[in-house]
Amino acid sequence: MNKFTLPLIAFIALIALLAVGLNLNPREVPSPLVGKPAPDFSVPQLHTPDANFSPKEMLGKVWLFNVWASWCVSCREEHPIIVEYTQRPDAIPVIGLNYKDKREDGLRWLTRFGDPYVLSAFDLDGRVGINYGVYGVPETYLIDKAGVIRFKQIGPITPKVLEEKILPLVKELSK
């Protein structure tokens, strides 16, 4: 065996691993929470600081949990899609989670761009986001009537994701 054979095999294996890795979609990171009960929490609401929100309030409903922030550029890209979706007659409730933001900034952002949420919970320190495994904003979770996470969208919801992934699953879960 030639002294170059082993390094050549190692180099080819490394190239193959890199090629596979470069073809993966970083938005398709599997979430260990899909198929498991949504973590419970109780945090103040953005608009009404003396009122709290807990996912337990949504039991019996299929709903979307959208993590957003006023400082998030991708949230601005996604927001019109959520606003438009919530105006549809077949829309399910969308609860927002204002993540690691200043209350005033979040309120101003919703006033400026529209408020599609039934309500927005306020996660100042990011603890709720940590419990949900938030990698970065925006992220959206589809939660079923039993409080189980059925889908996680990392990054902005696009019209394609909404039509091809979320809405068919909503239809199935709403039966």
N, C-alpha and C. Protein backbone atom coordinates (compact mmCIF):
# COMPACT_ATOMS: atom_id res chain seq x y z
N MET A 1 0.85 -1.18 0.00
CA MET A 1 0.00 0.00 0.00
C MET A 1 0.89 1.24 0.00
N ASN A 2 0.58 2.14 -0.81
CA ASN A 2 1.31 3.38 -0.99
C ASN A 2 1.11 4.29 0.23
N LYS A 3 2.11 5.11 0.59
CA LYS A 3 2.00 5.99 1.77
C LYS A 3 0.98 7.11 1.56
N PHE A 4 0.52 7.32 0.35
CA PHE A 4 -0.48 8.35 0.06
C PHE A 4 -1.91 7.83 0.06
N THR A 5 -2.09 6.54 0.11
CA THR A 5 -3.42 5.94 0.01
C THR A 5 -4.30 6.32 1.20
N LEU A 6 -3.82 6.17 2.40
CA LEU A 6 -4.62 6.47 3.60
C LEU A 6 -4.99 7.95 3.68
N PRO A 7 -4.05 8.88 3.48
CA PRO A 7 -4.44 10.29 3.48
C PRO A 7 -5.43 10.64 2.36
N LEU A 8 -5.28 9.99 1.20
CA LEU A 8 -6.19 10.24 0.09
C LEU A 8 -7.60 9.76 0.44
N ILE A 9 -7.73 8.60 1.05
CA ILE A 9 -9.03 8.08 1.47
C ILE A 9 -9.65 9.01 2.52
N ALA A 10 -8.85 9.46 3.47
CA ALA A 10 -9.35 10.38 4.50
C ALA A 10 -9.82 11.70 3.86
N PHE A 11 -9.07 12.21 2.90
CA PHE A 11 -9.43 13.45 2.23
C PHE A 11 -10.74 13.28 1.45
N ILE A 12 -10.91 12.18 0.75
CA ILE A 12 -12.14 11.92 -0.01
C ILE A 12 -13.33 11.80 0.94
N ALA A 13 -13.14 11.14 2.07
CA ALA A 13 -14.22 11.00 3.06
C ALA A 13 -14.61 12.38 3.61
N LEU A 14 -13.63 13.23 3.88
CA LEU A 14 -13.90 14.57 4.38
C LEU A 14 -14.67 15.39 3.35
N ILE A 15 -14.28 15.31 2.10
CA ILE A 15 -14.99 16.02 1.03
C ILE A 15 -16.44 15.52 0.93
N ALA A 16 -16.65 14.23 1.04
CA ALA A 16 -18.00 13.66 0.97
C ALA A 16 -18.86 14.18 2.13
N LEU A 17 -18.31 14.22 3.33
CA LEU A 17 -19.05 14.74 4.49
C LEU A 17 -19.39 16.22 4.30
N LEU A 18 -18.47 17.00 3.82
CA LEU A 18 -18.72 18.42 3.58
C LEU A 18 -19.79 18.61 2.50
N ALA A 19 -19.75 17.81 1.46
CA ALA A 19 -20.75 17.92 0.39
C ALA A 19 -22.14 17.62 0.92
N VAL A 20 -22.27 16.60 1.75
CA VAL A 20 -23.57 16.27 2.34
C VAL A 20 -24.02 17.41 3.24
N GLY A 21 -23.14 17.92 4.06
CA GLY A 21 -23.48 19.01 4.99
C GLY A 21 -23.91 20.28 4.28
N LEU A 22 -23.28 20.60 3.17
CA LEU A 22 -23.63 21.80 2.43
C LEU A 22 -24.98 21.70 1.74
N ASN A 23 -25.47 20.49 1.54
CA ASN A 23 -26.77 20.30 0.90
C ASN A 23 -27.92 20.23 1.89
N LEU A 24 -27.65 20.31 3.18
CA LEU A 24 -28.71 20.29 4.19
C LEU A 24 -29.30 21.69 4.35
N ASN A 25 -30.59 21.73 4.67
CA ASN A 25 -31.27 23.01 4.89
C ASN A 25 -31.22 23.33 6.39
N PRO A 26 -30.59 24.44 6.79
CA PRO A 26 -30.49 24.76 8.22
C PRO A 26 -31.84 25.07 8.85
N ARG A 27 -32.87 25.36 8.06
CA ARG A 27 -34.20 25.64 8.59
C ARG A 27 -34.95 24.35 8.92
N GLU A 28 -34.38 23.21 8.57
CA GLU A 28 -35.03 21.94 8.83
C GLU A 28 -34.36 21.20 9.97
N VAL A 29 -33.91 21.92 10.97
CA VAL A 29 -33.33 21.30 12.15
C VAL A 29 -34.46 20.61 12.90
N PRO A 30 -34.35 19.30 13.11
CA PRO A 30 -35.44 18.62 13.81
C PRO A 30 -35.55 19.10 15.25
N SER A 31 -36.78 19.31 15.69
CA SER A 31 -36.99 19.76 17.06
C SER A 31 -37.35 18.57 17.93
N PRO A 32 -36.70 18.42 19.07
CA PRO A 32 -37.06 17.32 19.97
C PRO A 32 -38.44 17.54 20.60
N LEU A 33 -39.01 18.74 20.46
CA LEU A 33 -40.31 19.02 21.07
C LEU A 33 -41.49 18.60 20.20
N VAL A 34 -41.26 18.41 18.89
CA VAL A 34 -42.36 18.01 18.02
C VAL A 34 -42.84 16.63 18.46
N GLY A 35 -44.16 16.55 18.70
CA GLY A 35 -44.75 15.31 19.19
C GLY A 35 -44.83 15.24 20.70
N LYS A 36 -44.36 16.28 21.37
CA LYS A 36 -44.38 16.31 22.84
C LYS A 36 -45.24 17.48 23.31
N PRO A 37 -45.74 17.43 24.55
CA PRO A 37 -46.54 18.55 25.07
C PRO A 37 -45.74 19.85 25.05
N ALA A 38 -46.42 20.92 24.67
CA ALA A 38 -45.79 22.24 24.67
C ALA A 38 -45.42 22.60 26.11
N PRO A 39 -44.22 23.12 26.34
CA PRO A 39 -43.86 23.52 27.69
C PRO A 39 -44.83 24.56 28.24
N ASP A 40 -45.20 24.39 29.48
CA ASP A 40 -46.13 25.33 30.11
C ASP A 40 -45.35 26.52 30.66
N PHE A 41 -46.00 27.63 30.73
CA PHE A 41 -45.43 28.85 31.30
C PHE A 41 -46.57 29.78 31.67
N SER A 42 -46.25 30.80 32.38
CA SER A 42 -47.19 31.88 32.66
C SER A 42 -46.40 33.17 32.71
N VAL A 43 -46.63 34.02 31.71
CA VAL A 43 -45.92 35.30 31.63
C VAL A 43 -46.93 36.40 31.36
N PRO A 44 -46.54 37.65 31.64
CA PRO A 44 -47.45 38.77 31.38
C PRO A 44 -47.75 38.92 29.89
N GLN A 45 -48.90 39.48 29.61
CA GLN A 45 -49.25 39.81 28.24
C GLN A 45 -48.58 41.12 27.87
N LEU A 46 -48.27 41.29 26.60
CA LEU A 46 -47.61 42.50 26.13
C LEU A 46 -48.49 43.73 26.33
N HIS A 47 -49.74 43.64 25.90
CA HIS A 47 -50.64 44.80 25.99
C HIS A 47 -51.18 45.03 27.40
N THR A 48 -51.30 43.96 28.16
CA THR A 48 -51.90 44.05 29.50
C THR A 48 -50.95 43.41 30.51
N PRO A 49 -49.98 44.17 31.01
CA PRO A 49 -48.94 43.60 31.88
C PRO A 49 -49.45 42.95 33.15
N ASP A 50 -50.64 43.36 33.62
CA ASP A 50 -51.16 42.77 34.85
C ASP A 50 -51.96 41.49 34.58
N ALA A 51 -52.10 41.09 33.31
CA ALA A 51 -52.75 39.82 32.95
C ALA A 51 -51.70 38.88 32.39
N ASN A 52 -51.75 37.63 32.80
CA ASN A 52 -50.81 36.63 32.33
C ASN A 52 -51.42 35.76 31.24
N PHE A 53 -50.56 35.07 30.51
CA PHE A 53 -50.99 34.08 29.53
C PHE A 53 -50.27 32.78 29.81
N SER A 54 -51.01 31.68 29.68
CA SER A 54 -50.46 30.34 29.79
C SER A 54 -51.03 29.50 28.65
N PRO A 55 -50.24 28.61 28.07
CA PRO A 55 -50.75 27.76 26.99
C PRO A 55 -51.94 26.90 27.43
N LYS A 56 -52.09 26.67 28.70
CA LYS A 56 -53.23 25.89 29.20
C LYS A 56 -54.55 26.53 28.78
N GLU A 57 -54.55 27.86 28.59
CA GLU A 57 -55.76 28.57 28.16
C GLU A 57 -56.19 28.16 26.75
N MET A 58 -55.30 27.55 26.00
CA MET A 58 -55.60 27.21 24.61
C MET A 58 -55.96 25.72 24.44
N LEU A 59 -56.00 24.96 25.53
CA LEU A 59 -56.36 23.55 25.42
C LEU A 59 -57.74 23.43 24.77
N GLY A 60 -57.85 22.46 23.87
CA GLY A 60 -59.10 22.28 23.13
C GLY A 60 -59.12 23.03 21.80
N LYS A 61 -58.05 23.79 21.53
CA LYS A 61 -57.96 24.55 20.27
C LYS A 61 -56.66 24.21 19.56
N VAL A 62 -56.71 24.24 18.24
CA VAL A 62 -55.50 24.18 17.43
C VAL A 62 -55.05 25.62 17.25
N TRP A 63 -53.77 25.90 17.50
CA TRP A 63 -53.31 27.29 17.44
C TRP A 63 -51.85 27.38 17.04
N LEU A 64 -51.47 28.57 16.57
CA LEU A 64 -50.08 28.85 16.23
C LEU A 64 -49.46 29.71 17.32
N PHE A 65 -48.23 29.41 17.66
CA PHE A 65 -47.47 30.16 18.65
C PHE A 65 -46.28 30.76 17.91
N ASN A 66 -46.30 32.07 17.67
CA ASN A 66 -45.31 32.75 16.85
C ASN A 66 -44.38 33.58 17.72
N VAL A 67 -43.09 33.25 17.69
CA VAL A 67 -42.07 33.97 18.46
C VAL A 67 -41.52 35.08 17.57
N TRP A 68 -41.60 36.32 18.06
CA TRP A 68 -41.20 37.48 17.26
C TRP A 68 -40.55 38.53 18.16
N ALA A 69 -39.93 39.52 17.53
CA ALA A 69 -39.33 40.65 18.25
C ALA A 69 -39.26 41.86 17.33
N SER A 70 -39.32 43.04 17.92
CA SER A 70 -39.28 44.27 17.12
C SER A 70 -37.92 44.47 16.45
N TRP A 71 -36.87 43.90 17.02
CA TRP A 71 -35.52 44.06 16.48
C TRP A 71 -35.20 43.03 15.40
N CYS A 72 -36.13 42.15 15.11
CA CYS A 72 -35.91 41.02 14.20
C CYS A 72 -36.25 41.42 12.76
N VAL A 73 -35.26 41.40 11.88
CA VAL A 73 -35.45 41.76 10.48
C VAL A 73 -36.34 40.72 9.78
N SER A 74 -36.11 39.45 10.05
CA SER A 74 -36.90 38.39 9.41
C SER A 74 -38.36 38.42 9.86
N CYS A 75 -38.60 38.91 11.07
CA CYS A 75 -39.97 39.01 11.56
C CYS A 75 -40.77 40.00 10.70
N ARG A 76 -40.11 41.04 10.26
CA ARG A 76 -40.76 42.04 9.41
C ARG A 76 -41.13 41.42 8.06
N GLU A 77 -40.30 40.52 7.58
CA GLU A 77 -40.57 39.81 6.33
C GLU A 77 -41.78 38.86 6.49
N GLU A 78 -41.87 38.20 7.63
CA GLU A 78 -42.91 37.23 7.89
C GLU A 78 -44.25 37.86 8.27
N HIS A 79 -44.20 38.99 8.93
CA HIS A 79 -45.37 39.59 9.56
C HIS A 79 -46.57 39.81 8.61
N PRO A 80 -46.38 40.35 7.41
CA PRO A 80 -47.54 40.53 6.52
C PRO A 80 -48.24 39.21 6.18
N ILE A 81 -47.50 38.13 6.13
CA ILE A 81 -48.09 36.83 5.84
C ILE A 81 -48.99 36.39 6.99
N ILE A 82 -48.54 36.63 8.22
CA ILE A 82 -49.36 36.28 9.39
C ILE A 82 -50.58 37.18 9.46
N VAL A 83 -50.40 38.47 9.21
CA VAL A 83 -51.53 39.41 9.23
C VAL A 83 -52.58 38.96 8.22
N GLU A 84 -52.15 38.66 7.01
CA GLU A 84 -53.07 38.23 5.96
C GLU A 84 -53.75 36.91 6.34
N TYR A 85 -52.98 35.98 6.89
CA TYR A 85 -53.56 34.69 7.28
C TYR A 85 -54.66 34.86 8.33
N THR A 86 -54.44 35.70 9.32
CA THR A 86 -55.42 35.84 10.41
C THR A 86 -56.71 36.50 9.96
N GLN A 87 -56.72 37.08 8.77
CA GLN A 87 -57.94 37.70 8.24
C GLN A 87 -58.79 36.70 7.46
N ARG A 88 -58.27 35.51 7.25
CA ARG A 88 -59.02 34.47 6.54
C ARG A 88 -60.11 33.90 7.46
N PRO A 89 -61.24 33.52 6.90
CA PRO A 89 -62.32 32.96 7.74
C PRO A 89 -61.96 31.62 8.37
N ASP A 90 -61.02 30.88 7.77
CA ASP A 90 -60.63 29.58 8.31
C ASP A 90 -59.37 29.64 9.19
N ALA A 91 -58.95 30.84 9.55
CA ALA A 91 -57.73 31.01 10.35
C ALA A 91 -57.93 30.47 11.77
N ILE A 92 -56.87 29.89 12.29
CA ILE A 92 -56.86 29.47 13.70
C ILE A 92 -56.23 30.59 14.52
N PRO A 93 -56.42 30.57 15.85
CA PRO A 93 -55.82 31.63 16.67
C PRO A 93 -54.29 31.62 16.57
N VAL A 94 -53.72 32.81 16.54
CA VAL A 94 -52.28 32.98 16.56
C VAL A 94 -51.93 33.77 17.81
N ILE A 95 -51.11 33.16 18.66
CA ILE A 95 -50.62 33.81 19.88
C ILE A 95 -49.18 34.21 19.61
N GLY A 96 -48.83 35.43 19.92
CA GLY A 96 -47.46 35.90 19.73
C GLY A 96 -46.67 35.77 21.02
N LEU A 97 -45.38 35.64 20.89
CA LEU A 97 -44.46 35.71 22.03
C LEU A 97 -43.42 36.76 21.69
N ASN A 98 -43.55 37.92 22.31
CA ASN A 98 -42.59 39.00 22.12
C ASN A 98 -41.34 38.62 22.91
N TYR A 99 -40.26 38.31 22.19
CA TYR A 99 -39.09 37.64 22.73
C TYR A 99 -37.91 38.60 22.94
N LYS A 100 -37.43 38.67 24.17
CA LYS A 100 -36.24 39.46 24.52
C LYS A 100 -36.31 40.88 23.93
N ASP A 101 -37.40 41.53 24.20
CA ASP A 101 -37.67 42.83 23.61
C ASP A 101 -38.05 43.81 24.72
N LYS A 102 -38.05 45.07 24.41
CA LYS A 102 -38.59 46.08 25.33
C LYS A 102 -40.08 46.19 25.04
N ARG A 103 -40.87 46.27 26.09
CA ARG A 103 -42.32 46.33 25.94
C ARG A 103 -42.74 47.46 24.98
N GLU A 104 -42.17 48.64 25.17
CA GLU A 104 -42.54 49.79 24.34
C GLU A 104 -42.23 49.54 22.87
N ASP A 105 -41.08 48.89 22.62
CA ASP A 105 -40.69 48.61 21.23
C ASP A 105 -41.64 47.61 20.58
N GLY A 106 -42.02 46.59 21.33
CA GLY A 106 -42.97 45.60 20.81
C GLY A 106 -44.33 46.21 20.50
N LEU A 107 -44.82 47.04 21.41
CA LEU A 107 -46.11 47.70 21.20
C LEU A 107 -46.07 48.63 20.00
N ARG A 108 -44.99 49.38 19.87
CA ARG A 108 -44.83 50.31 18.76
C ARG A 108 -44.77 49.54 17.43
N TRP A 109 -44.07 48.43 17.44
CA TRP A 109 -43.94 47.61 16.24
C TRP A 109 -45.30 47.09 15.78
N LEU A 110 -46.12 46.59 16.73
CA LEU A 110 -47.45 46.08 16.38
C LEU A 110 -48.36 47.20 15.88
N THR A 111 -48.23 48.39 16.47
CA THR A 111 -49.02 49.53 16.01
C THR A 111 -48.64 49.90 14.58
N ARG A 112 -47.36 49.85 14.29
CA ARG A 112 -46.88 50.24 12.97
C ARG A 112 -47.20 49.22 11.88
N PHE A 113 -47.04 47.92 12.18
CA PHE A 113 -47.16 46.88 11.16
C PHE A 113 -48.45 46.07 11.24
N GLY A 114 -49.27 46.30 12.26
CA GLY A 114 -50.51 45.55 12.42
C GLY A 114 -50.34 44.47 13.48
N ASP A 115 -51.44 44.18 14.14
CA ASP A 115 -51.41 43.19 15.23
C ASP A 115 -52.31 42.01 14.87
N PRO A 116 -51.73 40.93 14.37
CA PRO A 116 -52.52 39.77 13.96
C PRO A 116 -52.82 38.80 15.11
N TYR A 117 -52.27 39.09 16.29
CA TYR A 117 -52.32 38.12 17.38
C TYR A 117 -53.59 38.26 18.22
N VAL A 118 -54.09 37.13 18.67
CA VAL A 118 -55.17 37.13 19.66
C VAL A 118 -54.64 37.87 20.89
N LEU A 119 -53.39 37.57 21.22
CA LEU A 119 -52.64 38.30 22.25
C LEU A 119 -51.18 37.98 22.08
N SER A 120 -50.33 38.81 22.66
CA SER A 120 -48.90 38.54 22.66
C SER A 120 -48.45 38.40 24.10
N ALA A 121 -47.78 37.29 24.39
CA ALA A 121 -47.15 37.11 25.68
C ALA A 121 -45.81 37.85 25.63
N PHE A 122 -45.31 38.22 26.80
CA PHE A 122 -44.10 39.04 26.86
C PHE A 122 -43.00 38.27 27.58
N ASP A 123 -41.96 37.89 26.84
CA ASP A 123 -40.85 37.08 27.35
C ASP A 123 -39.59 37.94 27.41
N LEU A 124 -39.55 38.82 28.38
CA LEU A 124 -38.44 39.78 28.51
C LEU A 124 -37.08 39.10 28.62
N ASP A 125 -36.96 38.09 29.48
CA ASP A 125 -35.66 37.47 29.72
C ASP A 125 -35.37 36.25 28.85
N GLY A 126 -36.33 35.84 28.02
CA GLY A 126 -36.10 34.74 27.09
C GLY A 126 -36.27 33.35 27.68
N ARG A 127 -36.79 33.24 28.90
CA ARG A 127 -36.92 31.91 29.52
C ARG A 127 -37.93 31.03 28.79
N VAL A 128 -39.02 31.59 28.33
CA VAL A 128 -40.01 30.81 27.58
C VAL A 128 -39.36 30.31 26.30
N GLY A 129 -38.66 31.20 25.62
CA GLY A 129 -37.97 30.80 24.40
C GLY A 129 -36.99 29.67 24.63
N ILE A 130 -36.26 29.71 25.73
CA ILE A 130 -35.31 28.64 26.05
C ILE A 130 -36.06 27.32 26.21
N ASN A 131 -37.18 27.35 26.92
CA ASN A 131 -37.96 26.12 27.15
C ASN A 131 -38.52 25.55 25.85
N TYR A 132 -38.75 26.41 24.87
CA TYR A 132 -39.27 25.96 23.58
C TYR A 132 -38.14 25.64 22.59
N GLY A 133 -36.91 25.83 23.00
CA GLY A 133 -35.79 25.53 22.11
C GLY A 133 -35.64 26.51 20.98
N VAL A 134 -35.96 27.77 21.23
CA VAL A 134 -35.87 28.80 20.20
C VAL A 134 -34.40 29.01 19.83
N TYR A 135 -34.11 28.84 18.54
CA TYR A 135 -32.76 29.08 18.02
C TYR A 135 -32.57 30.55 17.71
N GLY A 136 -33.63 31.19 17.28
CA GLY A 136 -33.61 32.60 16.90
C GLY A 136 -34.99 32.95 16.39
N VAL A 137 -35.29 34.21 16.30
CA VAL A 137 -36.61 34.61 15.86
C VAL A 137 -36.59 34.94 14.37
N PRO A 138 -37.68 34.75 13.69
CA PRO A 138 -38.93 34.19 14.16
C PRO A 138 -38.92 32.66 14.16
N GLU A 139 -39.74 32.10 15.02
CA GLU A 139 -40.02 30.68 15.02
C GLU A 139 -41.51 30.53 15.31
N THR A 140 -42.11 29.50 14.74
CA THR A 140 -43.53 29.30 14.91
C THR A 140 -43.81 27.83 15.19
N TYR A 141 -44.72 27.61 16.14
CA TYR A 141 -45.10 26.26 16.55
C TYR A 141 -46.59 26.08 16.29
N LEU A 142 -46.94 24.93 15.72
CA LEU A 142 -48.34 24.56 15.57
C LEU A 142 -48.65 23.60 16.71
N ILE A 143 -49.65 23.96 17.52
CA ILE A 143 -49.98 23.19 18.72
C ILE A 143 -51.41 22.67 18.58
N ASP A 144 -51.59 21.38 18.88
CA ASP A 144 -52.91 20.77 18.70
C ASP A 144 -53.82 20.97 19.91
N LYS A 145 -55.02 20.39 19.82
CA LYS A 145 -56.04 20.58 20.86
C LYS A 145 -55.61 20.03 22.22
N ALA A 146 -54.73 19.04 22.21
CA ALA A 146 -54.25 18.44 23.46
C ALA A 146 -53.03 19.16 24.02
N GLY A 147 -52.58 20.21 23.32
CA GLY A 147 -51.40 20.96 23.79
C GLY A 147 -50.08 20.35 23.35
N VAL A 148 -50.10 19.55 22.29
CA VAL A 148 -48.90 18.89 21.79
C VAL A 148 -48.38 19.66 20.56
N ILE A 149 -47.08 19.89 20.54
CA ILE A 149 -46.46 20.57 19.39
C ILE A 149 -46.44 19.60 18.22
N ARG A 150 -47.02 20.01 17.09
CA ARG A 150 -47.09 19.16 15.90
C ARG A 150 -46.18 19.60 14.78
N PHE A 151 -45.70 20.85 14.83
CA PHE A 151 -44.86 21.37 13.76
C PHE A 151 -44.08 22.56 14.31
N LYS A 152 -42.84 22.69 13.86
CA LYS A 152 -42.03 23.85 14.23
C LYS A 152 -41.42 24.42 12.96
N GLN A 153 -41.63 25.71 12.75
CA GLN A 153 -41.03 26.43 11.63
C GLN A 153 -39.90 27.29 12.17
N ILE A 154 -38.70 27.00 11.74
CA ILE A 154 -37.55 27.82 12.11
C ILE A 154 -37.38 28.86 11.01
N GLY A 155 -37.35 30.12 11.38
CA GLY A 155 -37.25 31.18 10.39
C GLY A 155 -38.64 31.64 9.99
N PRO A 156 -38.69 32.59 9.08
CA PRO A 156 -39.99 33.17 8.72
C PRO A 156 -40.91 32.19 7.99
N ILE A 157 -42.19 32.34 8.28
CA ILE A 157 -43.20 31.62 7.52
C ILE A 157 -43.28 32.28 6.16
N THR A 158 -43.23 31.48 5.13
CA THR A 158 -43.37 31.97 3.76
C THR A 158 -44.75 31.53 3.26
N PRO A 159 -45.24 32.13 2.18
CA PRO A 159 -46.50 31.65 1.62
C PRO A 159 -46.46 30.15 1.30
N LYS A 160 -45.32 29.68 0.81
CA LYS A 160 -45.17 28.26 0.46
C LYS A 160 -45.27 27.38 1.71
N VAL A 161 -44.58 27.75 2.77
CA VAL A 161 -44.65 26.97 4.02
C VAL A 161 -46.07 26.98 4.56
N LEU A 162 -46.71 28.13 4.52
CA LEU A 162 -48.08 28.24 5.01
C LEU A 162 -49.01 27.31 4.23
N GLU A 163 -48.96 27.38 2.91
CA GLU A 163 -49.87 26.61 2.06
C GLU A 163 -49.54 25.12 2.02
N GLU A 164 -48.26 24.78 2.01
CA GLU A 164 -47.88 23.38 1.81
C GLU A 164 -47.65 22.59 3.09
N LYS A 165 -47.33 23.27 4.18
CA LYS A 165 -47.04 22.54 5.42
C LYS A 165 -48.05 22.85 6.53
N ILE A 166 -48.22 24.12 6.83
CA ILE A 166 -49.01 24.49 8.00
C ILE A 166 -50.51 24.25 7.77
N LEU A 167 -51.07 24.77 6.69
CA LEU A 167 -52.52 24.67 6.48
C LEU A 167 -53.01 23.23 6.33
N PRO A 168 -52.30 22.35 5.59
CA PRO A 168 -52.76 20.96 5.55
C PRO A 168 -52.76 20.30 6.95
N LEU A 169 -51.75 20.62 7.74
CA LEU A 169 -51.69 20.06 9.09
C LEU A 169 -52.78 20.64 9.97
N VAL A 170 -53.08 21.94 9.83
CA VAL A 170 -54.17 22.58 10.59
C VAL A 170 -55.48 21.88 10.25
N LYS A 171 -55.70 21.64 8.97
CA LYS A 171 -56.94 20.99 8.53
C LYS A 171 -57.08 19.60 9.16
N GLU A 172 -55.99 18.87 9.16
CA GLU A 172 -55.99 17.52 9.73
C GLU A 172 -56.23 17.56 11.24
N LEU A 173 -55.57 18.47 11.93
CA LEU A 173 -55.68 18.55 13.39
C LEU A 173 -57.01 19.12 13.85
N SER A 174 -57.68 19.87 12.99
CA SER A 174 -58.94 20.50 13.36
C SER A 174 -60.14 19.56 13.25
N LYS A 175 -59.94 18.39 12.69
CA LYS A 175 -61.05 17.43 12.53
C LYS A 175 -61.58 16.97 13.87
